[in-house]
Amino acid sequence: MEPSLHYVKGSCWRIWNYYFQEIDKPTPPLHFLKAGSADNEAIFVCPVSEQVVRDFVKATQTNAEMEFVKLSEWALNNYDWFGEWGVFVCRPRVVPYNSQRTGKRK
């Protein structure tokens, strides 16, 4: 069973918050903009520079639970969103199925 969009949104916030706690900075607000092209993809907007989003995406490359991909501002309507905004997609990582068991039964 794939994670729901609600699960993805909650996990994204948890990882986002943890990242900023680790670098000892206040956690910026995070806005769920809309669902992505897949059922469990979420597009988020945050009031930070593109460089901050790039740093976040780079820091979470090894996250086993979620994958983060930076988007450009094309996702935002310039007539509604004023100022500097970072945009990214969050989606669950696909874990490949391993048909061989590891370990032995006792």
N, C-alpha and C. Protein backbone atom coordinates (compact mmCIF):
# COMPACT_ATOMS: atom_id res chain seq x y z
N MET A 1 0.83 -1.18 0.00
CA MET A 1 0.00 0.00 0.00
C MET A 1 0.88 1.25 0.00
N GLU A 2 0.61 2.17 -0.88
CA GLU A 2 1.39 3.40 -0.97
C GLU A 2 0.90 4.40 0.08
N PRO A 3 1.82 5.23 0.58
CA PRO A 3 1.42 6.25 1.55
C PRO A 3 0.43 7.24 0.95
N SER A 4 -0.51 7.69 1.77
CA SER A 4 -1.51 8.65 1.31
C SER A 4 -0.90 10.05 1.21
N LEU A 5 -1.61 10.94 0.56
CA LEU A 5 -1.17 12.32 0.45
C LEU A 5 -1.07 12.97 1.83
N HIS A 6 -2.00 12.62 2.73
CA HIS A 6 -1.94 13.16 4.09
C HIS A 6 -0.66 12.73 4.79
N TYR A 7 -0.29 11.48 4.61
CA TYR A 7 0.95 10.98 5.21
C TYR A 7 2.16 11.72 4.64
N VAL A 8 2.18 11.93 3.34
CA VAL A 8 3.29 12.65 2.69
C VAL A 8 3.39 14.07 3.23
N LYS A 9 2.25 14.75 3.36
CA LYS A 9 2.26 16.12 3.87
C LYS A 9 2.81 16.17 5.29
N GLY A 10 2.38 15.27 6.14
CA GLY A 10 2.86 15.25 7.52
C GLY A 10 4.34 14.90 7.61
N SER A 11 4.77 13.94 6.82
CA SER A 11 6.18 13.55 6.81
C SER A 11 7.05 14.68 6.29
N CYS A 12 6.58 15.38 5.28
CA CYS A 12 7.34 16.50 4.74
C CYS A 12 7.55 17.56 5.81
N TRP A 13 6.48 17.92 6.52
CA TRP A 13 6.63 18.92 7.58
C TRP A 13 7.61 18.44 8.65
N ARG A 14 7.53 17.19 9.05
CA ARG A 14 8.42 16.65 10.08
C ARG A 14 9.88 16.76 9.64
N ILE A 15 10.17 16.37 8.40
CA ILE A 15 11.54 16.40 7.88
C ILE A 15 12.01 17.85 7.71
N TRP A 16 11.14 18.70 7.21
CA TRP A 16 11.44 20.13 7.04
C TRP A 16 11.80 20.75 8.40
N ASN A 17 10.98 20.52 9.38
CA ASN A 17 11.20 21.06 10.72
C ASN A 17 12.50 20.53 11.32
N TYR A 18 12.74 19.25 11.20
CA TYR A 18 13.96 18.64 11.73
C TYR A 18 15.21 19.24 11.08
N TYR A 19 15.16 19.46 9.78
CA TYR A 19 16.30 20.03 9.06
C TYR A 19 16.68 21.38 9.66
N PHE A 20 15.71 22.24 9.87
CA PHE A 20 16.01 23.57 10.39
C PHE A 20 16.42 23.53 11.86
N GLN A 21 15.89 22.59 12.63
CA GLN A 21 16.36 22.43 14.01
C GLN A 21 17.82 22.01 14.03
N GLU A 22 18.20 21.12 13.11
CA GLU A 22 19.58 20.63 13.06
C GLU A 22 20.58 21.74 12.70
N ILE A 23 20.17 22.69 11.86
CA ILE A 23 21.08 23.78 11.51
C ILE A 23 20.88 24.99 12.42
N ASP A 24 20.06 24.81 13.47
CA ASP A 24 19.84 25.81 14.50
C ASP A 24 19.30 27.13 13.94
N LYS A 25 18.28 27.01 13.09
CA LYS A 25 17.60 28.19 12.52
C LYS A 25 16.10 28.02 12.74
N PRO A 26 15.38 29.13 12.82
CA PRO A 26 13.92 29.02 12.96
C PRO A 26 13.31 28.33 11.74
N THR A 27 12.34 27.49 11.98
CA THR A 27 11.71 26.76 10.88
C THR A 27 10.76 27.69 10.13
N PRO A 28 11.01 27.90 8.82
CA PRO A 28 10.11 28.75 8.03
C PRO A 28 8.76 28.06 7.82
N PRO A 29 7.71 28.83 7.63
CA PRO A 29 6.41 28.24 7.33
C PRO A 29 6.46 27.43 6.04
N LEU A 30 5.58 26.48 5.95
CA LEU A 30 5.50 25.62 4.77
C LEU A 30 4.05 25.55 4.35
N HIS A 31 3.78 25.77 3.07
CA HIS A 31 2.41 25.78 2.56
C HIS A 31 2.23 24.66 1.54
N PHE A 32 1.25 23.80 1.77
CA PHE A 32 0.89 22.78 0.78
C PHE A 32 0.14 23.49 -0.33
N LEU A 33 0.72 23.47 -1.55
CA LEU A 33 0.11 24.16 -2.67
C LEU A 33 -0.94 23.29 -3.36
N LYS A 34 -0.52 22.07 -3.73
CA LYS A 34 -1.44 21.17 -4.43
C LYS A 34 -0.81 19.80 -4.55
N ALA A 35 -1.62 18.84 -4.95
CA ALA A 35 -1.11 17.49 -5.21
C ALA A 35 -0.32 17.53 -6.52
N GLY A 36 0.67 16.68 -6.62
CA GLY A 36 1.48 16.59 -7.83
C GLY A 36 0.84 15.69 -8.86
N SER A 37 1.62 15.27 -9.82
CA SER A 37 1.08 14.45 -10.91
C SER A 37 0.74 13.04 -10.45
N ALA A 38 1.40 12.54 -9.44
CA ALA A 38 1.06 11.23 -8.88
C ALA A 38 0.14 11.44 -7.67
N ASP A 39 -0.58 10.40 -7.30
CA ASP A 39 -1.54 10.52 -6.20
C ASP A 39 -0.91 10.91 -4.87
N ASN A 40 0.34 10.53 -4.66
CA ASN A 40 0.95 10.78 -3.37
C ASN A 40 2.11 11.79 -3.44
N GLU A 41 2.14 12.61 -4.47
CA GLU A 41 3.11 13.70 -4.56
C GLU A 41 2.47 14.98 -4.02
N ALA A 42 3.28 15.78 -3.33
CA ALA A 42 2.79 17.03 -2.79
C ALA A 42 3.73 18.16 -3.21
N ILE A 43 3.15 19.27 -3.66
CA ILE A 43 3.95 20.44 -4.03
C ILE A 43 3.80 21.46 -2.90
N PHE A 44 4.96 21.91 -2.41
CA PHE A 44 5.00 22.85 -1.28
C PHE A 44 5.63 24.17 -1.69
N VAL A 45 5.21 25.24 -1.02
CA VAL A 45 5.76 26.57 -1.22
C VAL A 45 6.19 27.07 0.16
N CYS A 46 7.34 27.76 0.18
CA CYS A 46 7.86 28.29 1.43
C CYS A 46 8.49 29.66 1.18
N PRO A 47 8.42 30.57 2.15
CA PRO A 47 8.95 31.92 1.97
C PRO A 47 10.45 31.98 2.23
N VAL A 48 11.20 31.26 1.41
CA VAL A 48 12.66 31.23 1.52
C VAL A 48 13.25 31.35 0.11
N SER A 49 14.54 31.61 0.05
CA SER A 49 15.21 31.74 -1.25
C SER A 49 15.36 30.37 -1.91
N GLU A 50 15.63 30.41 -3.21
CA GLU A 50 15.88 29.16 -3.93
C GLU A 50 17.10 28.44 -3.38
N GLN A 51 18.09 29.19 -2.91
CA GLN A 51 19.29 28.57 -2.35
C GLN A 51 18.97 27.78 -1.09
N VAL A 52 18.08 28.28 -0.26
CA VAL A 52 17.68 27.56 0.95
C VAL A 52 17.00 26.25 0.57
N VAL A 53 16.14 26.30 -0.45
CA VAL A 53 15.47 25.08 -0.91
C VAL A 53 16.50 24.10 -1.49
N ARG A 54 17.45 24.61 -2.27
CA ARG A 54 18.51 23.74 -2.81
C ARG A 54 19.29 23.06 -1.69
N ASP A 55 19.63 23.82 -0.65
CA ASP A 55 20.36 23.26 0.49
C ASP A 55 19.54 22.18 1.20
N PHE A 56 18.25 22.44 1.36
CA PHE A 56 17.36 21.46 1.99
C PHE A 56 17.28 20.18 1.16
N VAL A 57 17.08 20.34 -0.14
CA VAL A 57 16.99 19.18 -1.04
C VAL A 57 18.29 18.37 -1.00
N LYS A 58 19.41 19.06 -1.03
CA LYS A 58 20.71 18.39 -0.98
C LYS A 58 20.90 17.63 0.34
N ALA A 59 20.49 18.25 1.44
CA ALA A 59 20.66 17.63 2.76
C ALA A 59 19.76 16.41 2.93
N THR A 60 18.66 16.35 2.19
CA THR A 60 17.73 15.24 2.35
C THR A 60 17.86 14.17 1.26
N GLN A 61 18.91 14.25 0.46
CA GLN A 61 19.10 13.27 -0.62
C GLN A 61 19.16 11.83 -0.10
N THR A 62 19.67 11.64 1.10
CA THR A 62 19.81 10.29 1.63
C THR A 62 18.64 9.89 2.52
N ASN A 63 17.60 10.72 2.60
CA ASN A 63 16.44 10.38 3.42
C ASN A 63 15.77 9.14 2.83
N ALA A 64 15.60 8.13 3.65
CA ALA A 64 15.05 6.86 3.17
C ALA A 64 13.54 6.90 2.97
N GLU A 65 12.87 7.85 3.58
CA GLU A 65 11.41 7.88 3.55
C GLU A 65 10.85 8.70 2.40
N MET A 66 11.37 9.92 2.23
CA MET A 66 10.83 10.84 1.24
C MET A 66 11.91 11.36 0.31
N GLU A 67 11.49 11.70 -0.89
CA GLU A 67 12.37 12.31 -1.89
C GLU A 67 11.88 13.74 -2.11
N PHE A 68 12.83 14.67 -2.19
CA PHE A 68 12.51 16.08 -2.39
C PHE A 68 13.16 16.55 -3.69
N VAL A 69 12.38 17.27 -4.50
CA VAL A 69 12.86 17.78 -5.78
C VAL A 69 12.50 19.25 -5.86
N LYS A 70 13.50 20.09 -6.10
CA LYS A 70 13.27 21.52 -6.21
C LYS A 70 12.58 21.84 -7.53
N LEU A 71 11.60 22.73 -7.47
CA LEU A 71 10.94 23.23 -8.67
C LEU A 71 11.26 24.70 -8.80
N SER A 72 11.09 25.23 -10.00
CA SER A 72 11.26 26.67 -10.16
C SER A 72 9.92 27.34 -9.89
N GLU A 73 9.89 28.65 -9.94
CA GLU A 73 8.69 29.38 -9.57
C GLU A 73 7.56 29.28 -10.59
N TRP A 74 7.74 28.54 -11.67
CA TRP A 74 6.69 28.41 -12.67
C TRP A 74 5.40 27.85 -12.05
N ALA A 75 5.55 27.16 -10.93
CA ALA A 75 4.37 26.57 -10.30
C ALA A 75 3.48 27.61 -9.64
N LEU A 76 3.98 28.83 -9.50
CA LEU A 76 3.22 29.89 -8.83
C LEU A 76 2.73 30.93 -9.83
N ASN A 77 1.54 31.43 -9.58
CA ASN A 77 0.98 32.50 -10.39
C ASN A 77 1.57 33.83 -9.90
N ASN A 78 2.29 34.53 -10.74
CA ASN A 78 2.95 35.78 -10.34
C ASN A 78 1.98 36.86 -9.88
N TYR A 79 0.72 36.73 -10.22
CA TYR A 79 -0.27 37.73 -9.82
C TYR A 79 -0.81 37.46 -8.42
N ASP A 80 -0.51 36.30 -7.88
CA ASP A 80 -1.00 35.93 -6.55
C ASP A 80 0.12 35.80 -5.51
N TRP A 81 1.32 35.47 -5.95
CA TRP A 81 2.43 35.21 -5.03
C TRP A 81 3.48 36.31 -5.20
N PHE A 82 3.59 37.16 -4.21
CA PHE A 82 4.52 38.29 -4.26
C PHE A 82 5.72 38.00 -3.36
N GLY A 83 6.89 38.40 -3.79
CA GLY A 83 8.09 38.21 -2.98
C GLY A 83 8.88 37.00 -3.43
N GLU A 84 9.72 36.52 -2.53
CA GLU A 84 10.61 35.39 -2.84
C GLU A 84 10.04 34.11 -2.25
N TRP A 85 9.85 33.11 -3.11
CA TRP A 85 9.25 31.86 -2.69
C TRP A 85 10.07 30.69 -3.21
N GLY A 86 10.22 29.67 -2.39
CA GLY A 86 10.84 28.43 -2.80
C GLY A 86 9.74 27.40 -3.05
N VAL A 87 9.92 26.56 -4.06
CA VAL A 87 8.91 25.56 -4.42
C VAL A 87 9.61 24.21 -4.57
N PHE A 88 9.00 23.15 -3.99
CA PHE A 88 9.57 21.81 -4.16
C PHE A 88 8.47 20.76 -4.09
N VAL A 89 8.80 19.59 -4.60
CA VAL A 89 7.91 18.43 -4.57
C VAL A 89 8.44 17.47 -3.52
N CYS A 90 7.52 16.87 -2.80
CA CYS A 90 7.85 15.81 -1.86
C CYS A 90 7.06 14.57 -2.26
N ARG A 91 7.75 13.44 -2.33
CA ARG A 91 7.06 12.18 -2.68
C ARG A 91 7.75 11.02 -1.96
N PRO A 92 7.01 9.97 -1.71
CA PRO A 92 7.61 8.81 -1.05
C PRO A 92 8.67 8.17 -1.95
N ARG A 93 9.70 7.69 -1.33
CA ARG A 93 10.72 6.95 -2.10
C ARG A 93 10.17 5.57 -2.45
N VAL A 94 10.53 5.11 -3.60
CA VAL A 94 10.14 3.76 -4.02
C VAL A 94 11.20 2.81 -3.49
N VAL A 95 10.78 1.88 -2.68
CA VAL A 95 11.71 0.90 -2.13
C VAL A 95 11.63 -0.34 -3.01
N PRO A 96 12.75 -0.71 -3.64
CA PRO A 96 12.71 -1.88 -4.52
C PRO A 96 12.42 -3.15 -3.73
N TYR A 97 11.63 -4.01 -4.32
CA TYR A 97 11.28 -5.28 -3.68
C TYR A 97 12.45 -6.24 -3.82
N ASN A 98 12.84 -6.83 -2.72
CA ASN A 98 13.92 -7.82 -2.71
C ASN A 98 13.30 -9.17 -2.42
N SER A 99 13.34 -10.05 -3.40
CA SER A 99 12.68 -11.34 -3.23
C SER A 99 13.46 -12.30 -2.35
N GLN A 100 14.72 -12.01 -2.09
CA GLN A 100 15.52 -12.90 -1.24
C GLN A 100 15.45 -12.43 0.20
N ARG A 101 15.23 -13.37 1.08
CA ARG A 101 15.19 -13.04 2.51
C ARG A 101 16.59 -12.86 3.03
N THR A 102 16.70 -11.99 4.00
CA THR A 102 17.98 -11.86 4.69
C THR A 102 17.79 -12.39 6.10
N GLY A 103 18.77 -13.06 6.58
CA GLY A 103 18.66 -13.66 7.91
C GLY A 103 18.05 -15.04 7.83
N LYS A 104 18.13 -15.75 8.91
CA LYS A 104 17.60 -17.11 8.95
C LYS A 104 16.50 -17.23 9.99
N ARG A 105 15.57 -18.09 9.72
CA ARG A 105 14.52 -18.36 10.69
C ARG A 105 15.09 -19.27 11.76
N LYS A 106 14.61 -19.10 12.95
CA LYS A 106 15.05 -19.96 14.06
C LYS A 106 13.99 -20.95 14.41
